[in-house]
PDB file of N, CA and C in Angstrom:
ATOM      1  N   MET A   1      31.001 -20.945 -92.858  1.00  0.00           N
ATOM      2  CA  MET A   1      29.392 -21.090 -92.828  1.00  0.00           C
ATOM      3  C   MET A   1      29.218 -22.015 -91.220  1.00  0.00           C
ATOM      4  N   ASN A   2      30.206 -22.462 -91.233  1.00  0.00           N
ATOM      5  CA  ASN A   2      30.065 -23.599 -89.897  1.00  0.00           C
ATOM      6  C   ASN A   2      30.458 -22.873 -88.479  1.00  0.00           C
ATOM      7  N   THR A   3      31.510 -21.503 -88.968  1.00  0.00           N
ATOM      8  CA  THR A   3      31.430 -20.575 -87.341  1.00  0.00           C
ATOM      9  C   THR A   3      30.120 -19.860 -87.501  1.00  0.00           C
ATOM     10  N   SER A   4      29.369 -19.867 -88.601  1.00  0.00           N
ATOM     11  CA  SER A   4      28.043 -18.603 -88.343  1.00  0.00           C
ATOM     12  C   SER A   4      27.190 -20.011 -87.498  1.00  0.00           C
ATOM     13  N   LEU A   5      27.079 -21.235 -88.098  1.00  0.00           N
ATOM     14  CA  LEU A   5      26.379 -21.920 -87.440  1.00  0.00           C
ATOM     15  C   LEU A   5      26.613 -22.261 -85.769  1.00  0.00           C
ATOM     16  N   THR A   6      27.719 -22.246 -85.578  1.00  0.00           N
ATOM     17  CA  THR A   6      28.255 -22.105 -83.839  1.00  0.00           C
ATOM     18  C   THR A   6      27.936 -21.137 -83.226  1.00  0.00           C
ATOM     19  N   SER A   7      28.283 -20.049 -83.748  1.00  0.00           N
ATOM     20  CA  SER A   7      27.686 -18.707 -83.111  1.00  0.00           C
ATOM     21  C   SER A   7      26.164 -18.753 -82.931  1.00  0.00           C
ATOM     22  N   LEU A   8      25.430 -19.155 -83.987  1.00  0.00           N
ATOM     23  CA  LEU A   8      24.036 -18.907 -83.929  1.00  0.00           C
ATOM     24  C   LEU A   8      23.775 -20.100 -82.866  1.00  0.00           C
ATOM     25  N   ALA A   9      24.165 -20.993 -82.842  1.00  0.00           N
ATOM     26  CA  ALA A   9      23.927 -21.912 -81.318  1.00  0.00           C
ATOM     27  C   ALA A   9      24.264 -21.685 -80.246  1.00  0.00           C
ATOM     28  N   LYS A  10      25.382 -20.860 -80.054  1.00  0.00           N
ATOM     29  CA  LYS A  10      26.000 -20.183 -78.835  1.00  0.00           C
ATOM     30  C   LYS A  10      24.415 -19.206 -78.427  1.00  0.00           C
ATOM     31  N   LYS A  11      24.506 -18.263 -79.312  1.00  0.00           N
ATOM     32  CA  LYS A  11      23.363 -17.084 -79.191  1.00  0.00           C
ATOM     33  C   LYS A  11      21.998 -17.965 -78.599  1.00  0.00           C
ATOM     34  N   ARG A  12      22.003 -19.054 -79.439  1.00  0.00           N
ATOM     35  CA  ARG A  12      20.173 -19.807 -78.985  1.00  0.00           C
ATOM     36  C   ARG A  12      20.377 -19.848 -77.327  1.00  0.00           C
ATOM     37  N   GLN A  13      21.508 -20.921 -77.335  1.00  0.00           N
ATOM     38  CA  GLN A  13      21.704 -21.489 -76.101  1.00  0.00           C
ATOM     39  C   GLN A  13      21.792 -20.290 -74.787  1.00  0.00           C
ATOM     40  N   ARG A  14      22.242 -19.091 -75.142  1.00  0.00           N
ATOM     41  CA  ARG A  14      22.503 -17.966 -74.229  1.00  0.00           C
ATOM     42  C   ARG A  14      20.965 -17.643 -74.320  1.00  0.00           C
ATOM     43  N   LEU A  15      20.402 -17.182 -75.367  1.00  0.00           N
ATOM     44  CA  LEU A  15      18.860 -16.735 -75.367  1.00  0.00           C
ATOM     45  C   LEU A  15      17.778 -17.906 -74.272  1.00  0.00           C
ATOM     46  N   VAL A  16      18.179 -18.887 -74.555  1.00  0.00           N
ATOM     47  CA  VAL A  16      17.031 -20.145 -73.708  1.00  0.00           C
ATOM     48  C   VAL A  16      17.570 -19.745 -72.378  1.00  0.00           C
ATOM     49  N   LYS A  17      18.641 -19.566 -72.052  1.00  0.00           N
ATOM     50  CA  LYS A  17      19.282 -19.553 -70.585  1.00  0.00           C
ATOM     51  C   LYS A  17      18.136 -18.230 -69.899  1.00  0.00           C
ATOM     52  N   GLU A  18      18.595 -17.022 -70.795  1.00  0.00           N
ATOM     53  CA  GLU A  18      18.000 -15.880 -70.694  1.00  0.00           C
ATOM     54  C   GLU A  18      16.476 -15.967 -70.289  1.00  0.00           C
ATOM     55  N   ALA A  19      16.039 -16.767 -70.917  1.00  0.00           N
ATOM     56  CA  ALA A  19      14.402 -16.757 -71.000  1.00  0.00           C
ATOM     57  C   ALA A  19      13.880 -17.655 -70.033  1.00  0.00           C
ATOM     58  N   GLN A  20      14.588 -18.358 -69.415  1.00  0.00           N
ATOM     59  CA  GLN A  20      14.490 -19.418 -68.301  1.00  0.00           C
ATOM     60  C   GLN A  20      14.442 -18.607 -67.122  1.00  0.00           C
ATOM     61  N   MET A  21      15.517 -17.830 -67.083  1.00  0.00           N
ATOM     62  CA  MET A  21      15.767 -16.641 -65.593  1.00  0.00           C
ATOM     63  C   MET A  21      14.641 -15.907 -65.684  1.00  0.00           C
ATOM     64  N   GLN A  22      14.148 -15.294 -66.834  1.00  0.00           N
ATOM     65  CA  GLN A  22      12.803 -14.423 -66.583  1.00  0.00           C
ATOM     66  C   GLN A  22      11.776 -14.932 -66.241  1.00  0.00           C
ATOM     67  N   ARG A  23      11.535 -16.370 -66.693  1.00  0.00           N
ATOM     68  CA  ARG A  23      10.263 -17.094 -66.665  1.00  0.00           C
ATOM     69  C   ARG A  23      10.214 -17.144 -64.625  1.00  0.00           C
ATOM     70  N   MET A  24      11.546 -17.542 -64.525  1.00  0.00           N
ATOM     71  CA  MET A  24      11.804 -17.597 -63.053  1.00  0.00           C
ATOM     72  C   MET A  24      11.446 -16.431 -62.073  1.00  0.00           C
ATOM     73  N   ALA A  25      12.080 -15.262 -62.702  1.00  0.00           N
ATOM     74  CA  ALA A  25      11.793 -13.971 -62.066  1.00  0.00           C
ATOM     75  C   ALA A  25      10.128 -13.720 -62.214  1.00  0.00           C
ATOM     76  N   VAL A  26       9.480 -13.711 -63.040  1.00  0.00           N
ATOM     77  CA  VAL A  26       8.123 -13.750 -62.891  1.00  0.00           C
ATOM     78  C   VAL A  26       7.251 -14.528 -62.049  1.00  0.00           C
ATOM     79  N   ALA A  27       7.675 -15.712 -62.111  1.00  0.00           N
ATOM     80  CA  ALA A  27       7.073 -16.726 -61.355  1.00  0.00           C
ATOM     81  C   ALA A  27       7.431 -16.431 -60.060  1.00  0.00           C
ATOM     82  N   ASP A  28       8.305 -15.984 -59.692  1.00  0.00           N
ATOM     83  CA  ASP A  28       8.513 -15.284 -58.265  1.00  0.00           C
ATOM     84  C   ASP A  28       7.900 -14.007 -57.553  1.00  0.00           C
ATOM     85  N   GLN A  29       8.027 -12.904 -58.657  1.00  0.00           N
ATOM     86  CA  GLN A  29       6.787 -11.841 -58.213  1.00  0.00           C
ATOM     87  C   GLN A  29       5.442 -12.329 -58.211  1.00  0.00           C
ATOM     88  N   PHE A  30       4.996 -13.268 -59.020  1.00  0.00           N
ATOM     89  CA  PHE A  30       3.719 -13.488 -59.372  1.00  0.00           C
ATOM     90  C   PHE A  30       3.217 -14.204 -57.679  1.00  0.00           C
ATOM     91  N   GLN A  31       4.278 -14.942 -56.834  1.00  0.00           N
ATOM     92  CA  GLN A  31       3.862 -15.569 -55.885  1.00  0.00           C
ATOM     93  C   GLN A  31       3.264 -14.749 -54.964  1.00  0.00           C
ATOM     94  N   ALA A  32       3.795 -13.441 -54.577  1.00  0.00           N
ATOM     95  CA  ALA A  32       3.640 -12.283 -53.779  1.00  0.00           C
ATOM     96  C   ALA A  32       2.104 -12.330 -54.045  1.00  0.00           C
ATOM     97  N   TRP A  33       1.570 -12.147 -55.509  1.00  0.00           N
ATOM     98  CA  TRP A  33       0.337 -11.656 -55.710  1.00  0.00           C
ATOM     99  C   TRP A  33      -0.923 -12.739 -55.817  1.00  0.00           C
ATOM    100  N   HIS A  34      -0.319 -14.208 -55.756  1.00  0.00           N
ATOM    101  CA  HIS A  34      -1.201 -14.795 -55.608  1.00  0.00           C
ATOM    102  C   HIS A  34      -2.249 -15.151 -54.252  1.00  0.00           C
ATOM    103  N   LYS A  35      -2.240 -14.727 -53.071  1.00  0.00           N
ATOM    104  CA  LYS A  35      -3.179 -14.896 -52.205  1.00  0.00           C
ATOM    105  C   LYS A  35      -3.923 -13.545 -52.337  1.00  0.00           C
ATOM    106  N   PRO A  36      -3.474 -12.622 -52.711  1.00  0.00           N
ATOM    107  CA  PRO A  36      -4.570 -11.287 -52.986  1.00  0.00           C
ATOM    108  C   PRO A  36      -5.597 -11.640 -54.264  1.00  0.00           C
ATOM    109  N   ILE A  37      -4.711 -12.008 -55.459  1.00  0.00           N
ATOM    110  CA  ILE A  37      -5.646 -12.844 -56.552  1.00  0.00           C
ATOM    111  C   ILE A  37      -6.782 -13.530 -56.265  1.00  0.00           C
ATOM    112  N   SER A  38      -6.041 -14.705 -55.666  1.00  0.00           N
ATOM    113  CA  SER A  38      -7.266 -15.530 -54.870  1.00  0.00           C
ATOM    114  C   SER A  38      -8.512 -15.326 -54.418  1.00  0.00           C
ATOM    115  N   MET A  39      -8.103 -14.234 -52.804  1.00  0.00           N
ATOM    116  CA  MET A  39      -9.298 -13.510 -52.691  1.00  0.00           C
ATOM    117  C   MET A  39     -10.014 -12.711 -53.423  1.00  0.00           C
ATOM    118  N   LEU A  40      -9.688 -12.239 -54.297  1.00  0.00           N
ATOM    119  CA  LEU A  40     -10.197 -11.274 -55.407  1.00  0.00           C
ATOM    120  C   LEU A  40     -11.374 -12.462 -55.931  1.00  0.00           C
ATOM    121  N   ASP A  41     -10.487 -13.389 -56.723  1.00  0.00           N
ATOM    122  CA  ASP A  41     -11.399 -14.591 -57.105  1.00  0.00           C
ATOM    123  C   ASP A  41     -12.532 -14.685 -56.428  1.00  0.00           C
ATOM    124  N   TYR A  42     -12.656 -15.144 -55.496  1.00  0.00           N
ATOM    125  CA  TYR A  42     -13.610 -15.867 -54.172  1.00  0.00           C
ATOM    126  C   TYR A  42     -14.696 -14.944 -54.394  1.00  0.00           C
ATOM    127  N   ALA A  43     -13.865 -13.576 -53.889  1.00  0.00           N
ATOM    128  CA  ALA A  43     -15.229 -12.075 -54.109  1.00  0.00           C
ATOM    129  C   ALA A  43     -16.037 -12.201 -55.195  1.00  0.00           C
ATOM    130  N   ILE A  44     -15.495 -12.707 -56.232  1.00  0.00           N
ATOM    131  CA  ILE A  44     -16.211 -12.547 -57.534  1.00  0.00           C
ATOM    132  C   ILE A  44     -16.802 -13.806 -57.722  1.00  0.00           C
ATOM    133  N   ASN A  45     -16.586 -14.525 -57.369  1.00  0.00           N
ATOM    134  CA  ASN A  45     -17.645 -15.979 -57.366  1.00  0.00           C
ATOM    135  C   ASN A  45     -18.407 -15.616 -56.503  1.00  0.00           C
ATOM    136  N   MET A  46     -18.264 -15.324 -55.231  1.00  0.00           N
ATOM    137  CA  MET A  46     -19.681 -14.966 -54.405  1.00  0.00           C
ATOM    138  C   MET A  46     -20.382 -13.769 -54.987  1.00  0.00           C
ATOM    139  N   LEU A  47     -20.388 -12.923 -55.365  1.00  0.00           N
ATOM    140  CA  LEU A  47     -21.220 -11.846 -56.269  1.00  0.00           C
ATOM    141  C   LEU A  47     -21.755 -13.110 -57.164  1.00  0.00           C
ATOM    142  N   ARG A  48     -21.354 -13.675 -57.982  1.00  0.00           N
ATOM    143  CA  ARG A  48     -21.873 -14.274 -58.672  1.00  0.00           C
ATOM    144  C   ARG A  48     -23.091 -15.190 -58.525  1.00  0.00           C
ATOM    145  N   TYR A  49     -22.531 -15.624 -57.130  1.00  0.00           N
ATOM    146  CA  TYR A  49     -24.072 -16.696 -56.657  1.00  0.00           C
ATOM    147  C   TYR A  49     -24.816 -16.026 -55.961  1.00  0.00           C
ATOM    148  N   ILE A  50     -24.616 -14.421 -55.457  1.00  0.00           N
ATOM    149  CA  ILE A  50     -25.551 -13.896 -54.906  1.00  0.00           C
ATOM    150  C   ILE A  50     -26.500 -13.599 -55.969  1.00  0.00           C
ATOM    151  N   LYS A  51     -25.731 -13.395 -57.188  1.00  0.00           N
ATOM    152  CA  LYS A  51     -26.306 -12.610 -58.516  1.00  0.00           C
ATOM    153  C   LYS A  51     -27.639 -13.586 -58.948  1.00  0.00           C
ATOM    154  N   GLN A  52     -27.085 -15.007 -58.962  1.00  0.00           N
ATOM    155  CA  GLN A  52     -27.817 -16.097 -59.363  1.00  0.00           C
ATOM    156  C   GLN A  52     -28.874 -16.607 -58.777  1.00  0.00           C
ATOM    157  N   HIS A  53     -28.685 -16.401 -57.267  1.00  0.00           N
ATOM    158  CA  HIS A  53     -29.620 -16.794 -56.201  1.00  0.00           C
ATOM    159  C   HIS A  53     -30.341 -15.713 -55.128  1.00  0.00           C
ATOM    160  N   PRO A  54     -30.272 -14.872 -55.407  1.00  0.00           N
ATOM    161  CA  PRO A  54     -31.000 -13.725 -54.408  1.00  0.00           C
ATOM    162  C   PRO A  54     -32.119 -14.062 -53.735  1.00  0.00           C
ATOM    163  N   VAL A  55     -32.720 -15.138 -53.673  1.00  0.00           N
ATOM    164  CA  VAL A  55     -33.797 -15.184 -53.001  1.00  0.00           C
ATOM    165  C   VAL A  55     -33.193 -16.209 -52.045  1.00  0.00           C
ATOM    166  N   LEU A  56     -32.133 -17.137 -52.431  1.00  0.00           N
ATOM    167  CA  LEU A  56     -31.847 -17.721 -51.040  1.00  0.00           C
ATOM    168  C   LEU A  56     -30.952 -17.396 -50.358  1.00  0.00           C
ATOM    169  N   VAL A  57     -30.050 -16.223 -50.974  1.00  0.00           N
ATOM    170  CA  VAL A  57     -29.361 -15.665 -49.836  1.00  0.00           C
ATOM    171  C   VAL A  57     -30.124 -14.603 -49.060  1.00  0.00           C
ATOM    172  N   ALA A  58     -31.106 -13.816 -49.336  1.00  0.00           N
ATOM    173  CA  ALA A  58     -31.773 -13.230 -48.828  1.00  0.00           C
ATOM    174  C   ALA A  58     -32.845 -13.924 -47.438  1.00  0.00           C
ATOM    175  N   SER A  59     -32.966 -14.917 -47.874  1.00  0.00           N
ATOM    176  CA  SER A  59     -34.020 -15.734 -46.849  1.00  0.00           C
ATOM    177  C   SER A  59     -32.958 -16.242 -46.025  1.00  0.00           C
ATOM    178  N   GLY A  60     -31.629 -16.810 -46.229  1.00  0.00           N
ATOM    179  CA  GLY A  60     -30.678 -17.261 -45.511  1.00  0.00           C
ATOM    180  C   GLY A  60     -29.822 -16.195 -44.330  1.00  0.00           C
ATOM    181  N   GLY A  61     -30.216 -15.043 -45.376  1.00  0.00           N
ATOM    182  CA  GLY A  61     -29.493 -13.881 -44.377  1.00  0.00           C
ATOM    183  C   GLY A  61     -30.385 -13.388 -43.270  1.00  0.00           C
ATOM    184  N   SER A  62     -31.730 -13.303 -43.630  1.00  0.00           N
ATOM    185  CA  SER A  62     -33.055 -13.078 -42.881  1.00  0.00           C
ATOM    186  C   SER A  62     -32.846 -13.803 -41.580  1.00  0.00           C
ATOM    187  N   ALA A  63     -32.828 -15.262 -42.122  1.00  0.00           N
ATOM    188  CA  ALA A  63     -32.792 -16.452 -40.648  1.00  0.00           C
ATOM    189  C   ALA A  63     -32.033 -15.812 -39.583  1.00  0.00           C
ATOM    190  N   LEU A  64     -30.608 -15.541 -40.109  1.00  0.00           N
ATOM    191  CA  LEU A  64     -29.633 -15.044 -39.384  1.00  0.00           C
ATOM    192  C   LEU A  64     -29.641 -13.851 -38.595  1.00  0.00           C
ATOM    193  N   LEU A  65     -30.477 -13.007 -39.114  1.00  0.00           N
ATOM    194  CA  LEU A  65     -30.459 -11.931 -38.434  1.00  0.00           C
ATOM    195  C   LEU A  65     -31.664 -11.904 -37.511  1.00  0.00           C
ATOM    196  N   THR A  66     -32.541 -12.837 -37.304  1.00  0.00           N
ATOM    197  CA  THR A  66     -33.163 -12.883 -36.351  1.00  0.00           C
ATOM    198  C   THR A  66     -32.828 -13.597 -34.951  1.00  0.00           C
ATOM    199  N   MET A  67     -31.603 -14.059 -35.062  1.00  0.00           N
ATOM    200  CA  MET A  67     -30.932 -14.831 -33.879  1.00  0.00           C
ATOM    201  C   MET A  67     -30.478 -13.552 -33.150  1.00  0.00           C
ATOM    202  N   PHE A  68     -30.161 -12.343 -33.833  1.00  0.00           N
ATOM    203  CA  PHE A  68     -29.965 -11.302 -33.108  1.00  0.00           C
ATOM    204  C   PHE A  68     -30.828 -10.636 -32.034  1.00  0.00           C
ATOM    205  N   LYS A  69     -30.279  -9.512 -31.246  1.00  0.00           N
ATOM    206  CA  LYS A  69     -31.394  -8.868 -30.572  1.00  0.00           C
ATOM    207  C   LYS A  69     -32.112  -7.945 -31.494  1.00  0.00           C
ATOM    208  N   PRO A  70     -33.023  -7.039 -31.436  1.00  0.00           N
ATOM    209  CA  PRO A  70     -33.804  -6.411 -31.773  1.00  0.00           C
ATOM    210  C   PRO A  70     -33.000  -5.007 -32.505  1.00  0.00           C
ATOM    211  N   ASN A  71     -32.331  -4.705 -31.585  1.00  0.00           N
ATOM    212  CA  ASN A  71     -31.190  -3.479 -32.122  1.00  0.00           C
ATOM    213  C   ASN A  71     -30.547  -3.701 -32.805  1.00  0.00           C
ATOM    214  N   ALA A  72     -29.694  -4.590 -32.693  1.00  0.00           N
ATOM    215  CA  ALA A  72     -28.863  -5.335 -33.516  1.00  0.00           C
ATOM    216  C   ALA A  72     -29.329  -5.817 -34.969  1.00  0.00           C
ATOM    217  N   LEU A  73     -30.517  -6.315 -34.959  1.00  0.00           N
ATOM    218  CA  LEU A  73     -31.209  -6.228 -36.348  1.00  0.00           C
ATOM    219  C   LEU A  73     -31.411  -5.087 -37.294  1.00  0.00           C
ATOM    220  N   SER A  74     -32.020  -4.290 -36.497  1.00  0.00           N
ATOM    221  CA  SER A  74     -32.297  -2.910 -36.969  1.00  0.00           C
ATOM    222  C   SER A  74     -30.650  -2.546 -37.468  1.00  0.00           C
ATOM    223  N   LEU A  75     -29.900  -2.592 -37.010  1.00  0.00           N
ATOM    224  CA  LEU A  75     -28.313  -1.998 -37.211  1.00  0.00           C
ATOM    225  C   LEU A  75     -28.007  -2.821 -38.899  1.00  0.00           C
ATOM    226  N   TRP A  76     -28.045  -4.240 -38.493  1.00  0.00           N
ATOM    227  CA  TRP A  76     -27.733  -5.100 -39.685  1.00  0.00           C
ATOM    228  C   TRP A  76     -28.678  -4.763 -41.066  1.00  0.00           C
ATOM    229  N   LEU A  77     -29.962  -4.349 -40.375  1.00  0.00           N
ATOM    230  CA  LEU A  77     -30.949  -4.010 -41.844  1.00  0.00           C
ATOM    231  C   LEU A  77     -30.695  -2.728 -42.714  1.00  0.00           C
ATOM    232  N   GLN A  78     -30.166  -2.023 -41.792  1.00  0.00           N
ATOM    233  CA  GLN A  78     -29.559  -0.586 -42.213  1.00  0.00           C
ATOM    234  C   GLN A  78     -28.187  -0.800 -42.906  1.00  0.00           C
ATOM    235  N   ARG A  79     -27.386  -1.524 -42.528  1.00  0.00           N
ATOM    236  CA  ARG A  79     -25.988  -2.153 -43.375  1.00  0.00           C
ATOM    237  C   ARG A  79     -26.523  -2.718 -44.558  1.00  0.00           C
ATOM    238  N   GLY A  80     -27.394  -3.753 -44.464  1.00  0.00           N
ATOM    239  CA  GLY A  80     -27.795  -4.299 -45.440  1.00  0.00           C
ATOM    240  C   GLY A  80     -28.485  -3.192 -46.717  1.00  0.00           C
ATOM    241  N   LEU A  81     -29.094  -2.337 -46.302  1.00  0.00           N
ATOM    242  CA  LEU A  81     -29.501  -1.510 -47.443  1.00  0.00           C
ATOM    243  C   LEU A  81     -28.849  -0.817 -47.899  1.00  0.00           C
ATOM    244  N   LEU A  82     -27.757  -0.206 -47.260  1.00  0.00           N
ATOM    245  CA  LEU A  82     -26.421   0.544 -47.813  1.00  0.00           C
ATOM    246  C   LEU A  82     -25.890  -0.068 -48.450  1.00  0.00           C
ATOM    247  N   ALA A  83     -25.380  -1.635 -48.421  1.00  0.00           N
ATOM    248  CA  ALA A  83     -24.651  -2.573 -49.155  1.00  0.00           C
ATOM    249  C   ALA A  83     -25.603  -3.024 -50.234  1.00  0.00           C
ATOM    250  N   TRP A  84     -27.056  -3.091 -50.470  1.00  0.00           N
ATOM    251  CA  TRP A  84     -27.737  -3.197 -51.284  1.00  0.00           C
ATOM    252  C   TRP A  84     -27.456  -2.038 -52.262  1.00  0.00           C
ATOM    253  N   GLN A  85     -27.641  -1.040 -51.867  1.00  0.00           N
ATOM    254  CA  GLN A  85     -27.737   0.476 -52.617  1.00  0.00           C
ATOM    255  C   GLN A  85     -26.290   0.414 -53.173  1.00  0.00           C
ATOM    256  N   ILE A  86     -25.321   0.268 -52.621  1.00  0.00           N
ATOM    257  CA  ILE A  86     -23.941   0.574 -53.258  1.00  0.00           C
ATOM    258  C   ILE A  86     -23.925  -0.487 -54.254  1.00  0.00           C
ATOM    259  N   LEU A  87     -24.441  -1.751 -53.906  1.00  0.00           N
ATOM    260  CA  LEU A  87     -24.270  -2.996 -55.196  1.00  0.00           C
ATOM    261  C   LEU A  87     -25.079  -2.711 -56.307  1.00  0.00           C
ATOM    262  N   SER A  88     -26.224  -1.876 -56.234  1.00  0.00           N
ATOM    263  CA  SER A  88     -27.370  -2.005 -57.080  1.00  0.00           C
ATOM    264  C   SER A  88     -26.674  -0.480 -58.155  1.00  0.00           C
ATOM    265  N   LYS A  89     -25.956   0.502 -57.583  1.00  0.00           N
ATOM    266  CA  LYS A  89     -25.597   1.489 -58.116  1.00  0.00           C
ATOM    267  C   LYS A  89     -23.923   1.103 -59.033  1.00  0.00           C
ATOM    268  N   PHE A  90     -23.303   0.051 -58.129  1.00  0.00           N
ATOM    269  CA  PHE A  90     -22.062  -0.613 -58.946  1.00  0.00           C
ATOM    270  C   PHE A  90     -22.653  -1.554 -60.209  1.00  0.00           C
ATOM    271  N   ARG A  91     -23.567  -2.472 -60.071  1.00  0.00           N
ATOM    272  CA  ARG A  91     -24.004  -3.170 -61.151  1.00  0.00           C
ATOM    273  C   ARG A  91     -24.747  -2.236 -62.331  1.00  0.00           C
ATOM    274  N   LYS A  92     -24.769  -0.889 -62.364  1.00  0.00           N
ATOM    275  CA  LYS A  92     -25.230  -0.130 -63.132  1.00  0.00           C
ATOM    276  C   LYS A  92     -24.241   0.339 -63.863  1.00  0.00           C
ATOM    277  N   LYS A  93     -22.938   0.721 -63.594  1.00  0.00           N
ATOM    278  CA  LYS A  93     -21.940   1.251 -63.987  1.00  0.00           C
ATOM    279  C   LYS A  93     -20.764   0.074 -64.445  1.00  0.00           C
ATOM    280  N   ALA A  94     -20.976  -0.994 -63.961  1.00  0.00           N
ATOM    281  CA  ALA A  94     -20.059  -1.958 -64.047  1.00  0.00           C
ATOM    282  C   ALA A  94     -20.130  -2.910 -65.305  1.00  0.00           C
ATOM    283  N   PRO A  95     -19.384  -3.608 -65.993  1.00  0.00           N
ATOM    284  CA  PRO A  95     -19.718  -4.401 -66.822  1.00  0.00           C
ATOM    285  C   PRO A  95     -20.399  -6.003 -66.248  1.00  0.00           C
ATOM    286  N   GLU A  96     -20.884  -6.724 -66.865  1.00  0.00           N
ATOM    287  CA  GLU A  96     -21.452  -8.253 -66.803  1.00  0.00           C
ATOM    288  C   GLU A  96     -19.978  -8.920 -66.343  1.00  0.00           C
ATOM    289  N   PHE A  97     -20.099  -9.700 -65.361  1.00  0.00           N
ATOM    290  CA  PHE A  97     -19.181 -10.566 -64.577  1.00  0.00           C
ATOM    291  C   PHE A  97     -19.335 -11.869 -65.667  1.00  0.00           C
TER     292      PHE A  97
END
C-alpha cells in the first residue's frame, strides 16, 4: 500500500507541474490578444455610452462639425447619416449589450 501512495504522490506532483506549465502557456498566448480585446472593450463601452446619451453625443458632434468648412460639414453629415443607418440596422439584428 505504501508503494501505491508513493506512486500516487509522484503522479500528483507530475500533474501539478504539467498544469502549471499549461497555465503559463495560456497566459503567454493571451498576452498577444490583450491589446485587441481591450480595444474592443473600449469600443463596446463607447457604444453603450452613445446609446445611453444620444442627445449629448449629437449636440457635441454638431458643435464640432460647425467648426469645419461648409463642404466638409456636408461630407461629415453624409458620413454620419451612413453610420447611423448602419448602426440602426445592426441594433435591430444584434442582441442587447
